[in-house]
Amino acid sequence: DFYEMEMGNRSMDSERISYMLEQLLNG
């Protein structure tokens, strides 16, 4: 949802997980 990925995507980039987490913790 955060990165507007295609439906069915099952792969995550570790650096992008970190960035998303930072945004979720601070927003």
mmCIF file of all heavy atoms, coordinates in Angstrom:
data_MODEL
# 
_entry.id   MODEL 
# 
loop_
_atom_site.group_PDB 
_atom_site.id 
_atom_site.type_symbol 
_atom_site.label_atom_id 
_atom_site.label_alt_id 
_atom_site.label_comp_id 
_atom_site.label_asym_id 
_atom_site.label_entity_id 
_atom_site.label_seq_id 
_atom_site.pdbx_PDB_ins_code 
_atom_site.Cartn_x 
_atom_site.Cartn_y 
_atom_site.Cartn_z 
_atom_site.occupancy 
_atom_site.B_iso_or_equiv 
_atom_site.pdbx_formal_charge 
_atom_site.auth_seq_id 
_atom_site.auth_comp_id 
_atom_site.auth_asym_id 
_atom_site.auth_atom_id 
_atom_site.pdbx_PDB_model_num 
ATOM 1   N N   . ASP A 1 1  ? 0.831  -1.199  0.000   1.00 0.00 ? 1  ASP A N   1 
ATOM 2   C CA  . ASP A 1 1  ? 0.000  0.000   0.000   1.00 0.00 ? 1  ASP A CA  1 
ATOM 3   C C   . ASP A 1 1  ? 0.872  1.258   0.000   1.00 0.00 ? 1  ASP A C   1 
ATOM 4   O O   . ASP A 1 1  ? 0.648  2.181   -0.778  1.00 0.00 ? 1  ASP A O   1 
ATOM 5   C CB  . ASP A 1 1  ? -0.911 -0.001  1.235   1.00 0.00 ? 1  ASP A CB  1 
ATOM 6   C CG  . ASP A 1 1  ? -1.794 1.239   1.299   1.00 0.00 ? 1  ASP A CG  1 
ATOM 7   O OD1 . ASP A 1 1  ? -2.761 1.316   0.520   1.00 0.00 ? 1  ASP A OD1 1 
ATOM 8   O OD2 . ASP A 1 1  ? -1.492 2.140   2.111   1.00 0.00 ? 1  ASP A OD2 1 
ATOM 9   N N   . PHE A 1 2  ? 1.873  1.280   0.857   1.00 0.00 ? 2  PHE A N   1 
ATOM 10  C CA  . PHE A 1 2  ? 2.750  2.448   1.017   1.00 0.00 ? 2  PHE A CA  1 
ATOM 11  C C   . PHE A 1 2  ? 3.467  2.784   -0.283  1.00 0.00 ? 2  PHE A C   1 
ATOM 12  O O   . PHE A 1 2  ? 3.571  3.950   -0.669  1.00 0.00 ? 2  PHE A O   1 
ATOM 13  C CB  . PHE A 1 2  ? 3.764  2.171   2.135   1.00 0.00 ? 2  PHE A CB  1 
ATOM 14  C CG  . PHE A 1 2  ? 4.562  3.362   2.572   1.00 0.00 ? 2  PHE A CG  1 
ATOM 15  C CD1 . PHE A 1 2  ? 4.088  4.220   3.548   1.00 0.00 ? 2  PHE A CD1 1 
ATOM 16  C CD2 . PHE A 1 2  ? 5.803  3.631   2.003   1.00 0.00 ? 2  PHE A CD2 1 
ATOM 17  C CE1 . PHE A 1 2  ? 4.823  5.328   3.956   1.00 0.00 ? 2  PHE A CE1 1 
ATOM 18  C CE2 . PHE A 1 2  ? 6.545  4.729   2.399   1.00 0.00 ? 2  PHE A CE2 1 
ATOM 19  C CZ  . PHE A 1 2  ? 6.053  5.578   3.383   1.00 0.00 ? 2  PHE A CZ  1 
ATOM 20  N N   . TYR A 1 3  ? 3.981  1.758   -0.964  1.00 0.00 ? 3  TYR A N   1 
ATOM 21  C CA  . TYR A 1 3  ? 4.751  1.977   -2.198  1.00 0.00 ? 3  TYR A CA  1 
ATOM 22  C C   . TYR A 1 3  ? 3.924  1.765   -3.468  1.00 0.00 ? 3  TYR A C   1 
ATOM 23  O O   . TYR A 1 3  ? 4.480  1.777   -4.568  1.00 0.00 ? 3  TYR A O   1 
ATOM 24  C CB  . TYR A 1 3  ? 5.982  1.067   -2.213  1.00 0.00 ? 3  TYR A CB  1 
ATOM 25  C CG  . TYR A 1 3  ? 7.017  1.485   -1.192  1.00 0.00 ? 3  TYR A CG  1 
ATOM 26  C CD1 . TYR A 1 3  ? 7.268  0.708   -0.066  1.00 0.00 ? 3  TYR A CD1 1 
ATOM 27  C CD2 . TYR A 1 3  ? 7.726  2.671   -1.340  1.00 0.00 ? 3  TYR A CD2 1 
ATOM 28  C CE1 . TYR A 1 3  ? 8.210  1.096   0.877   1.00 0.00 ? 3  TYR A CE1 1 
ATOM 29  C CE2 . TYR A 1 3  ? 8.665  3.068   -0.408  1.00 0.00 ? 3  TYR A CE2 1 
ATOM 30  C CZ  . TYR A 1 3  ? 8.903  2.280   0.707   1.00 0.00 ? 3  TYR A CZ  1 
ATOM 31  O OH  . TYR A 1 3  ? 9.827  2.672   1.650   1.00 0.00 ? 3  TYR A OH  1 
ATOM 32  N N   . GLU A 1 4  ? 2.615  1.587   -3.311  1.00 0.00 ? 4  GLU A N   1 
ATOM 33  C CA  . GLU A 1 4  ? 1.705  1.393   -4.444  1.00 0.00 ? 4  GLU A CA  1 
ATOM 34  C C   . GLU A 1 4  ? 2.205  0.293   -5.386  1.00 0.00 ? 4  GLU A C   1 
ATOM 35  O O   . GLU A 1 4  ? 2.313  0.470   -6.602  1.00 0.00 ? 4  GLU A O   1 
ATOM 36  C CB  . GLU A 1 4  ? 1.500  2.718   -5.200  1.00 0.00 ? 4  GLU A CB  1 
ATOM 37  C CG  . GLU A 1 4  ? 0.901  3.800   -4.309  1.00 0.00 ? 4  GLU A CG  1 
ATOM 38  C CD  . GLU A 1 4  ? 0.753  5.143   -5.008  1.00 0.00 ? 4  GLU A CD  1 
ATOM 39  O OE1 . GLU A 1 4  ? 1.345  5.327   -6.095  1.00 0.00 ? 4  GLU A OE1 1 
ATOM 40  O OE2 . GLU A 1 4  ? 0.046  5.996   -4.464  1.00 0.00 ? 4  GLU A OE2 1 
ATOM 41  N N   . MET A 1 5  ? 2.518  -0.843  -4.793  1.00 0.00 ? 5  MET A N   1 
ATOM 42  C CA  . MET A 1 5  ? 3.027  -1.986  -5.553  1.00 0.00 ? 5  MET A CA  1 
ATOM 43  C C   . MET A 1 5  ? 1.871  -2.713  -6.231  1.00 0.00 ? 5  MET A C   1 
ATOM 44  O O   . MET A 1 5  ? 0.716  -2.589  -5.820  1.00 0.00 ? 5  MET A O   1 
ATOM 45  C CB  . MET A 1 5  ? 3.757  -2.956  -4.624  1.00 0.00 ? 5  MET A CB  1 
ATOM 46  C CG  . MET A 1 5  ? 4.915  -2.334  -3.852  1.00 0.00 ? 5  MET A CG  1 
ATOM 47  S SD  . MET A 1 5  ? 6.243  -1.734  -4.917  1.00 0.00 ? 5  MET A SD  1 
ATOM 48  C CE  . MET A 1 5  ? 6.993  -3.259  -5.412  1.00 0.00 ? 5  MET A CE  1 
ATOM 49  N N   . GLU A 1 6  ? 2.217  -3.499  -7.248  1.00 0.00 ? 6  GLU A N   1 
ATOM 50  C CA  . GLU A 1 6  ? 1.214  -4.298  -7.945  1.00 0.00 ? 6  GLU A CA  1 
ATOM 51  C C   . GLU A 1 6  ? 0.627  -5.336  -6.999  1.00 0.00 ? 6  GLU A C   1 
ATOM 52  O O   . GLU A 1 6  ? 1.317  -5.864  -6.133  1.00 0.00 ? 6  GLU A O   1 
ATOM 53  C CB  . GLU A 1 6  ? 1.855  -5.031  -9.137  1.00 0.00 ? 6  GLU A CB  1 
ATOM 54  C CG  . GLU A 1 6  ? 2.220  -4.126  -10.286 1.00 0.00 ? 6  GLU A CG  1 
ATOM 55  C CD  . GLU A 1 6  ? 2.832  -4.908  -11.432 1.00 0.00 ? 6  GLU A CD  1 
ATOM 56  O OE1 . GLU A 1 6  ? 2.671  -6.145  -11.470 1.00 0.00 ? 6  GLU A OE1 1 
ATOM 57  O OE2 . GLU A 1 6  ? 3.463  -4.277  -12.286 1.00 0.00 ? 6  GLU A OE2 1 
ATOM 58  N N   . MET A 1 7  ? -0.651 -5.615  -7.201  1.00 0.00 ? 7  MET A N   1 
ATOM 59  C CA  . MET A 1 7  ? -1.309 -6.638  -6.410  1.00 0.00 ? 7  MET A CA  1 
ATOM 60  C C   . MET A 1 7  ? -0.596 -7.973  -6.613  1.00 0.00 ? 7  MET A C   1 
ATOM 61  O O   . MET A 1 7  ? -0.220 -8.315  -7.725  1.00 0.00 ? 7  MET A O   1 
ATOM 62  C CB  . MET A 1 7  ? -2.772 -6.750  -6.841  1.00 0.00 ? 7  MET A CB  1 
ATOM 63  C CG  . MET A 1 7  ? -3.684 -7.241  -5.779  1.00 0.00 ? 7  MET A CG  1 
ATOM 64  S SD  . MET A 1 7  ? -5.377 -6.994  -6.333  1.00 0.00 ? 7  MET A SD  1 
ATOM 65  C CE  . MET A 1 7  ? -6.134 -8.368  -5.539  1.00 0.00 ? 7  MET A CE  1 
ATOM 66  N N   . GLY A 1 8  ? -0.380 -8.693  -5.565  1.00 0.00 ? 8  GLY A N   1 
ATOM 67  C CA  . GLY A 1 8  ? 0.311  -9.972  -5.667  1.00 0.00 ? 8  GLY A CA  1 
ATOM 68  C C   . GLY A 1 8  ? 1.808  -9.879  -5.413  1.00 0.00 ? 8  GLY A C   1 
ATOM 69  O O   . GLY A 1 8  ? 2.485  -10.911 -5.375  1.00 0.00 ? 8  GLY A O   1 
ATOM 70  N N   . ASN A 1 9  ? 2.357  -8.670  -5.245  1.00 0.00 ? 9  ASN A N   1 
ATOM 71  C CA  . ASN A 1 9  ? 3.772  -8.542  -4.935  1.00 0.00 ? 9  ASN A CA  1 
ATOM 72  C C   . ASN A 1 9  ? 4.073  -9.215  -3.600  1.00 0.00 ? 9  ASN A C   1 
ATOM 73  O O   . ASN A 1 9  ? 3.363  -9.020  -2.623  1.00 0.00 ? 9  ASN A O   1 
ATOM 74  C CB  . ASN A 1 9  ? 4.179  -7.061  -4.859  1.00 0.00 ? 9  ASN A CB  1 
ATOM 75  C CG  . ASN A 1 9  ? 5.604  -6.899  -4.364  1.00 0.00 ? 9  ASN A CG  1 
ATOM 76  O OD1 . ASN A 1 9  ? 6.547  -7.406  -4.966  1.00 0.00 ? 9  ASN A OD1 1 
ATOM 77  N ND2 . ASN A 1 9  ? 5.757  -6.215  -3.232  1.00 0.00 ? 9  ASN A ND2 1 
ATOM 78  N N   . ARG A 1 10 ? 5.151  -10.012 -3.551  1.00 0.00 ? 10 ARG A N   1 
ATOM 79  C CA  . ARG A 1 10 ? 5.531  -10.706 -2.314  1.00 0.00 ? 10 ARG A CA  1 
ATOM 80  C C   . ARG A 1 10 ? 6.974  -10.386 -1.906  1.00 0.00 ? 10 ARG A C   1 
ATOM 81  O O   . ARG A 1 10 ? 7.532  -11.033 -1.023  1.00 0.00 ? 10 ARG A O   1 
ATOM 82  C CB  . ARG A 1 10 ? 5.348  -12.212 -2.481  1.00 0.00 ? 10 ARG A CB  1 
ATOM 83  C CG  . ARG A 1 10 ? 3.910  -12.582 -2.858  1.00 0.00 ? 10 ARG A CG  1 
ATOM 84  C CD  . ARG A 1 10 ? 3.534  -13.975 -2.482  1.00 0.00 ? 10 ARG A CD  1 
ATOM 85  N NE  . ARG A 1 10 ? 3.427  -14.194 -1.062  1.00 0.00 ? 10 ARG A NE  1 
ATOM 86  C CZ  . ARG A 1 10 ? 2.368  -13.864 -0.306  1.00 0.00 ? 10 ARG A CZ  1 
ATOM 87  N NH1 . ARG A 1 10 ? 1.340  -13.264 -0.841  1.00 0.00 ? 10 ARG A NH1 1 
ATOM 88  N NH2 . ARG A 1 10 ? 2.355  -14.137 0.979   1.00 0.00 ? 10 ARG A NH2 1 
ATOM 89  N N   . SER A 1 11 ? 7.573  -9.396  -2.534  1.00 0.00 ? 11 SER A N   1 
ATOM 90  C CA  . SER A 1 11 ? 8.973  -9.073  -2.294  1.00 0.00 ? 11 SER A CA  1 
ATOM 91  C C   . SER A 1 11 ? 9.121  -7.665  -1.723  1.00 0.00 ? 11 SER A C   1 
ATOM 92  O O   . SER A 1 11 ? 8.466  -6.727  -2.187  1.00 0.00 ? 11 SER A O   1 
ATOM 93  C CB  . SER A 1 11 ? 9.738  -9.189  -3.618  1.00 0.00 ? 11 SER A CB  1 
ATOM 94  O OG  . SER A 1 11 ? 11.096 -8.933  -3.414  1.00 0.00 ? 11 SER A OG  1 
ATOM 95  N N   . MET A 1 12 ? 9.985  -7.527  -0.704  1.00 0.00 ? 12 MET A N   1 
ATOM 96  C CA  . MET A 1 12 ? 10.235 -6.215  -0.089  1.00 0.00 ? 12 MET A CA  1 
ATOM 97  C C   . MET A 1 12 ? 11.734 -5.931  -0.050  1.00 0.00 ? 12 MET A C   1 
ATOM 98  O O   . MET A 1 12 ? 12.525 -6.813  0.279   1.00 0.00 ? 12 MET A O   1 
ATOM 99  C CB  . MET A 1 12 ? 9.682  -6.170  1.339   1.00 0.00 ? 12 MET A CB  1 
ATOM 100 C CG  . MET A 1 12 ? 8.185  -6.359  1.439   1.00 0.00 ? 12 MET A CG  1 
ATOM 101 S SD  . MET A 1 12 ? 7.571  -6.159  3.145   1.00 0.00 ? 12 MET A SD  1 
ATOM 102 C CE  . MET A 1 12 ? 8.097  -7.708  3.894   1.00 0.00 ? 12 MET A CE  1 
ATOM 103 N N   . ASP A 1 13 ? 12.083 -4.706  -0.358  1.00 0.00 ? 13 ASP A N   1 
ATOM 104 C CA  . ASP A 1 13 ? 13.459 -4.233  -0.253  1.00 0.00 ? 13 ASP A CA  1 
ATOM 105 C C   . ASP A 1 13 ? 13.702 -3.786  1.189   1.00 0.00 ? 13 ASP A C   1 
ATOM 106 O O   . ASP A 1 13 ? 12.897 -3.040  1.753   1.00 0.00 ? 13 ASP A O   1 
ATOM 107 C CB  . ASP A 1 13 ? 13.659 -3.066  -1.224  1.00 0.00 ? 13 ASP A CB  1 
ATOM 108 C CG  . ASP A 1 13 ? 15.027 -2.463  -1.108  1.00 0.00 ? 13 ASP A CG  1 
ATOM 109 O OD1 . ASP A 1 13 ? 15.958 -2.969  -1.742  1.00 0.00 ? 13 ASP A OD1 1 
ATOM 110 O OD2 . ASP A 1 13 ? 15.171 -1.471  -0.344  1.00 0.00 ? 13 ASP A OD2 1 
ATOM 111 N N   . SER A 1 14 ? 14.799 -4.228  1.794   1.00 0.00 ? 14 SER A N   1 
ATOM 112 C CA  . SER A 1 14 ? 15.059 -3.941  3.209   1.00 0.00 ? 14 SER A CA  1 
ATOM 113 C C   . SER A 1 14 ? 15.163 -2.452  3.516   1.00 0.00 ? 14 SER A C   1 
ATOM 114 O O   . SER A 1 14 ? 14.651 -1.988  4.539   1.00 0.00 ? 14 SER A O   1 
ATOM 115 C CB  . SER A 1 14 ? 16.346 -4.642  3.668   1.00 0.00 ? 14 SER A CB  1 
ATOM 116 O OG  . SER A 1 14 ? 16.187 -6.021  3.537   1.00 0.00 ? 14 SER A OG  1 
ATOM 117 N N   . GLU A 1 15 ? 15.818 -1.703  2.645   1.00 0.00 ? 15 GLU A N   1 
ATOM 118 C CA  . GLU A 1 15 ? 15.951 -0.260  2.872   1.00 0.00 ? 15 GLU A CA  1 
ATOM 119 C C   . GLU A 1 15 ? 14.590 0.431   2.808   1.00 0.00 ? 15 GLU A C   1 
ATOM 120 O O   . GLU A 1 15 ? 14.321 1.366   3.556   1.00 0.00 ? 15 GLU A O   1 
ATOM 121 C CB  . GLU A 1 15 ? 16.922 0.355   1.867   1.00 0.00 ? 15 GLU A CB  1 
ATOM 122 C CG  . GLU A 1 15 ? 18.357 -0.013  2.159   1.00 0.00 ? 15 GLU A CG  1 
ATOM 123 C CD  . GLU A 1 15 ? 19.339 0.636   1.199   1.00 0.00 ? 15 GLU A CD  1 
ATOM 124 O OE1 . GLU A 1 15 ? 18.939 1.550   0.436   1.00 0.00 ? 15 GLU A OE1 1 
ATOM 125 O OE2 . GLU A 1 15 ? 20.511 0.224   1.216   1.00 0.00 ? 15 GLU A OE2 1 
ATOM 126 N N   . ARG A 1 16 ? 13.724 -0.063  1.933   1.00 0.00 ? 16 ARG A N   1 
ATOM 127 C CA  . ARG A 1 16 ? 12.386 0.526   1.823   1.00 0.00 ? 16 ARG A CA  1 
ATOM 128 C C   . ARG A 1 16 ? 11.515 0.157   3.033   1.00 0.00 ? 16 ARG A C   1 
ATOM 129 O O   . ARG A 1 16 ? 10.655 0.933   3.437   1.00 0.00 ? 16 ARG A O   1 
ATOM 130 C CB  . ARG A 1 16 ? 11.720 0.086   0.514   1.00 0.00 ? 16 ARG A CB  1 
ATOM 131 C CG  . ARG A 1 16 ? 12.450 0.652   -0.713  1.00 0.00 ? 16 ARG A CG  1 
ATOM 132 C CD  . ARG A 1 16 ? 11.763 0.236   -1.988  1.00 0.00 ? 16 ARG A CD  1 
ATOM 133 N NE  . ARG A 1 16 ? 10.886 1.324   -2.424  1.00 0.00 ? 16 ARG A NE  1 
ATOM 134 C CZ  . ARG A 1 16 ? 10.027 1.228   -3.431  1.00 0.00 ? 16 ARG A CZ  1 
ATOM 135 N NH1 . ARG A 1 16 ? 9.887  0.085   -4.083  1.00 0.00 ? 16 ARG A NH1 1 
ATOM 136 N NH2 . ARG A 1 16 ? 9.285  2.247   -3.767  1.00 0.00 ? 16 ARG A NH2 1 
ATOM 137 N N   . ILE A 1 17 ? 11.754 -1.010  3.613   1.00 0.00 ? 17 ILE A N   1 
ATOM 138 C CA  . ILE A 1 17 ? 11.061 -1.363  4.866   1.00 0.00 ? 17 ILE A CA  1 
ATOM 139 C C   . ILE A 1 17 ? 11.453 -0.365  5.950   1.00 0.00 ? 17 ILE A C   1 
ATOM 140 O O   . ILE A 1 17 ? 10.604 0.148   6.682   1.00 0.00 ? 17 ILE A O   1 
ATOM 141 C CB  . ILE A 1 17 ? 11.394 -2.804  5.320   1.00 0.00 ? 17 ILE A CB  1 
ATOM 142 C CG1 . ILE A 1 17 ? 10.819 -3.835  4.352   1.00 0.00 ? 17 ILE A CG1 1 
ATOM 143 C CG2 . ILE A 1 17 ? 10.862 -3.060  6.741   1.00 0.00 ? 17 ILE A CG2 1 
ATOM 144 C CD1 . ILE A 1 17 ? 11.279 -5.260  4.609   1.00 0.00 ? 17 ILE A CD1 1 
ATOM 145 N N   . SER A 1 18 ? 12.762 -0.063  6.045   1.00 0.00 ? 18 SER A N   1 
ATOM 146 C CA  . SER A 1 18 ? 13.261 0.893   7.050   1.00 0.00 ? 18 SER A CA  1 
ATOM 147 C C   . SER A 1 18 ? 12.629 2.266   6.874   1.00 0.00 ? 18 SER A C   1 
ATOM 148 O O   . SER A 1 18 ? 12.213 2.898   7.854   1.00 0.00 ? 18 SER A O   1 
ATOM 149 C CB  . SER A 1 18 ? 14.784 1.036   6.957   1.00 0.00 ? 18 SER A CB  1 
ATOM 150 O OG  . SER A 1 18 ? 15.412 -0.152  7.336   1.00 0.00 ? 18 SER A OG  1 
ATOM 151 N N   . TYR A 1 19 ? 12.547 2.719   5.630   1.00 0.00 ? 19 TYR A N   1 
ATOM 152 C CA  . TYR A 1 19 ? 11.979 4.037   5.367   1.00 0.00 ? 19 TYR A CA  1 
ATOM 153 C C   . TYR A 1 19 ? 10.493 4.063   5.718   1.00 0.00 ? 19 TYR A C   1 
ATOM 154 O O   . TYR A 1 19 ? 10.010 5.002   6.357   1.00 0.00 ? 19 TYR A O   1 
ATOM 155 C CB  . TYR A 1 19 ? 12.184 4.428   3.897   1.00 0.00 ? 19 TYR A CB  1 
ATOM 156 C CG  . TYR A 1 19 ? 11.571 5.771   3.569   1.00 0.00 ? 19 TYR A CG  1 
ATOM 157 C CD1 . TYR A 1 19 ? 12.200 6.950   3.971   1.00 0.00 ? 19 TYR A CD1 1 
ATOM 158 C CD2 . TYR A 1 19 ? 10.351 5.855   2.903   1.00 0.00 ? 19 TYR A CD2 1 
ATOM 159 C CE1 . TYR A 1 19 ? 11.621 8.190   3.695   1.00 0.00 ? 19 TYR A CE1 1 
ATOM 160 C CE2 . TYR A 1 19 ? 9.769  7.080   2.623   1.00 0.00 ? 19 TYR A CE2 1 
ATOM 161 C CZ  . TYR A 1 19 ? 10.408 8.249   3.020   1.00 0.00 ? 19 TYR A CZ  1 
ATOM 162 O OH  . TYR A 1 19 ? 9.832  9.465   2.763   1.00 0.00 ? 19 TYR A OH  1 
ATOM 163 N N   . MET A 1 20 ? 9.762  3.024   5.313   1.00 0.00 ? 20 MET A N   1 
ATOM 164 C CA  . MET A 1 20 ? 8.334  2.951   5.627   1.00 0.00 ? 20 MET A CA  1 
ATOM 165 C C   . MET A 1 20 ? 8.124  2.943   7.146   1.00 0.00 ? 20 MET A C   1 
ATOM 166 O O   . MET A 1 20 ? 7.251  3.651   7.659   1.00 0.00 ? 20 MET A O   1 
ATOM 167 C CB  . MET A 1 20 ? 7.724  1.683   5.015   1.00 0.00 ? 20 MET A CB  1 
ATOM 168 C CG  . MET A 1 20 ? 6.249  1.495   5.343   1.00 0.00 ? 20 MET A CG  1 
ATOM 169 S SD  . MET A 1 20 ? 5.596  -0.096  4.751   1.00 0.00 ? 20 MET A SD  1 
ATOM 170 C CE  . MET A 1 20 ? 6.301  -1.229  5.961   1.00 0.00 ? 20 MET A CE  1 
ATOM 171 N N   . LEU A 1 21 ? 8.933  2.171   7.852   1.00 0.00 ? 21 LEU A N   1 
ATOM 172 C CA  . LEU A 1 21 ? 8.826  2.101   9.308   1.00 0.00 ? 21 LEU A CA  1 
ATOM 173 C C   . LEU A 1 21 ? 9.049  3.472   9.937   1.00 0.00 ? 21 LEU A C   1 
ATOM 174 O O   . LEU A 1 21 ? 8.289  3.898   10.819  1.00 0.00 ? 21 LEU A O   1 
ATOM 175 C CB  . LEU A 1 21 ? 9.845  1.094   9.862   1.00 0.00 ? 21 LEU A CB  1 
ATOM 176 C CG  . LEU A 1 21 ? 9.936  1.001   11.389  1.00 0.00 ? 21 LEU A CG  1 
ATOM 177 C CD1 . LEU A 1 21 ? 8.600  0.575   12.000  1.00 0.00 ? 21 LEU A CD1 1 
ATOM 178 C CD2 . LEU A 1 21 ? 11.050 0.037   11.790  1.00 0.00 ? 21 LEU A CD2 1 
ATOM 179 N N   . GLU A 1 22 ? 10.067 4.168   9.465   1.00 0.00 ? 22 GLU A N   1 
ATOM 180 C CA  . GLU A 1 22 ? 10.356 5.525   9.965   1.00 0.00 ? 22 GLU A CA  1 
ATOM 181 C C   . GLU A 1 22 ? 9.153  6.446   9.773   1.00 0.00 ? 22 GLU A C   1 
ATOM 182 O O   . GLU A 1 22 ? 8.771  7.191   10.677  1.00 0.00 ? 22 GLU A O   1 
ATOM 183 C CB  . GLU A 1 22 ? 11.578 6.077   9.223   1.00 0.00 ? 22 GLU A CB  1 
ATOM 184 C CG  . GLU A 1 22 ? 12.045 7.424   9.690   1.00 0.00 ? 22 GLU A CG  1 
ATOM 185 C CD  . GLU A 1 22 ? 13.183 7.943   8.813   1.00 0.00 ? 22 GLU A CD  1 
ATOM 186 O OE1 . GLU A 1 22 ? 14.079 7.156   8.451   1.00 0.00 ? 22 GLU A OE1 1 
ATOM 187 O OE2 . GLU A 1 22 ? 13.146 9.140   8.484   1.00 0.00 ? 22 GLU A OE2 1 
ATOM 188 N N   . GLN A 1 23 ? 8.532  6.365   8.611   1.00 0.00 ? 23 GLN A N   1 
ATOM 189 C CA  . GLN A 1 23 ? 7.358  7.200   8.336   1.00 0.00 ? 23 GLN A CA  1 
ATOM 190 C C   . GLN A 1 23 ? 6.174  6.807   9.216   1.00 0.00 ? 23 GLN A C   1 
ATOM 191 O O   . GLN A 1 23 ? 5.446  7.669   9.715   1.00 0.00 ? 23 GLN A O   1 
ATOM 192 C CB  . GLN A 1 23 ? 6.959  7.096   6.856   1.00 0.00 ? 23 GLN A CB  1 
ATOM 193 C CG  . GLN A 1 23 ? 8.013  7.575   5.880   1.00 0.00 ? 23 GLN A CG  1 
ATOM 194 C CD  . GLN A 1 23 ? 8.490  8.989   6.178   1.00 0.00 ? 23 GLN A CD  1 
ATOM 195 O OE1 . GLN A 1 23 ? 7.694  9.915   6.247   1.00 0.00 ? 23 GLN A OE1 1 
ATOM 196 N NE2 . GLN A 1 23 ? 9.782  9.147   6.384   1.00 0.00 ? 23 GLN A NE2 1 
ATOM 197 N N   . LEU A 1 24 ? 5.985  5.505   9.430   1.00 0.00 ? 24 LEU A N   1 
ATOM 198 C CA  . LEU A 1 24 ? 4.880  5.040   10.274  1.00 0.00 ? 24 LEU A CA  1 
ATOM 199 C C   . LEU A 1 24 ? 5.098  5.420   11.735  1.00 0.00 ? 24 LEU A C   1 
ATOM 200 O O   . LEU A 1 24 ? 4.146  5.741   12.448  1.00 0.00 ? 24 LEU A O   1 
ATOM 201 C CB  . LEU A 1 24 ? 4.709  3.521   10.142  1.00 0.00 ? 24 LEU A CB  1 
ATOM 202 C CG  . LEU A 1 24 ? 4.159  3.013   8.811   1.00 0.00 ? 24 LEU A CG  1 
ATOM 203 C CD1 . LEU A 1 24 ? 4.256  1.500   8.728   1.00 0.00 ? 24 LEU A CD1 1 
ATOM 204 C CD2 . LEU A 1 24 ? 2.725  3.469   8.593   1.00 0.00 ? 24 LEU A CD2 1 
ATOM 205 N N   . LEU A 1 25 ? 6.357  5.390   12.179  1.00 0.00 ? 25 LEU A N   1 
ATOM 206 C CA  . LEU A 1 25 ? 6.649  5.742   13.571  1.00 0.00 ? 25 LEU A CA  1 
ATOM 207 C C   . LEU A 1 25 ? 6.513  7.240   13.818  1.00 0.00 ? 25 LEU A C   1 
ATOM 208 O O   . LEU A 1 25 ? 6.120  7.662   14.900  1.00 0.00 ? 25 LEU A O   1 
ATOM 209 C CB  . LEU A 1 25 ? 8.068  5.284   13.953  1.00 0.00 ? 25 LEU A CB  1 
ATOM 210 C CG  . LEU A 1 25 ? 8.263  3.785   14.144  1.00 0.00 ? 25 LEU A CG  1 
ATOM 211 C CD1 . LEU A 1 25 ? 9.745  3.449   14.237  1.00 0.00 ? 25 LEU A CD1 1 
ATOM 212 C CD2 . LEU A 1 25 ? 7.521  3.284   15.381  1.00 0.00 ? 25 LEU A CD2 1 
ATOM 213 N N   . ASN A 1 26 ? 6.831  8.041   12.807  1.00 0.00 ? 26 ASN A N   1 
ATOM 214 C CA  . ASN A 1 26 ? 6.838  9.497   12.993  1.00 0.00 ? 26 ASN A CA  1 
ATOM 215 C C   . ASN A 1 26 ? 5.550  10.190  12.575  1.00 0.00 ? 26 ASN A C   1 
ATOM 216 O O   . ASN A 1 26 ? 5.251  11.272  13.050  1.00 0.00 ? 26 ASN A O   1 
ATOM 217 C CB  . ASN A 1 26 ? 8.025  10.120  12.245  1.00 0.00 ? 26 ASN A CB  1 
ATOM 218 C CG  . ASN A 1 26 ? 9.343  9.631   12.819  1.00 0.00 ? 26 ASN A CG  1 
ATOM 219 O OD1 . ASN A 1 26 ? 9.450  9.387   14.016  1.00 0.00 ? 26 ASN A OD1 1 
ATOM 220 N ND2 . ASN A 1 26 ? 10.337 9.456   11.973  1.00 0.00 ? 26 ASN A ND2 1 
ATOM 221 N N   . GLY A 1 27 ? 4.786  9.588   11.670  1.00 0.00 ? 27 GLY A N   1 
ATOM 222 C CA  . GLY A 1 27 ? 3.525  10.202  11.245  1.00 0.00 ? 27 GLY A CA  1 
ATOM 223 C C   . GLY A 1 27 ? 2.449  9.950   12.287  1.00 0.00 ? 27 GLY A C   1 
ATOM 224 O O   . GLY A 1 27 ? 2.256  8.827   12.703  1.00 0.00 ? 27 GLY A O   1 
# 
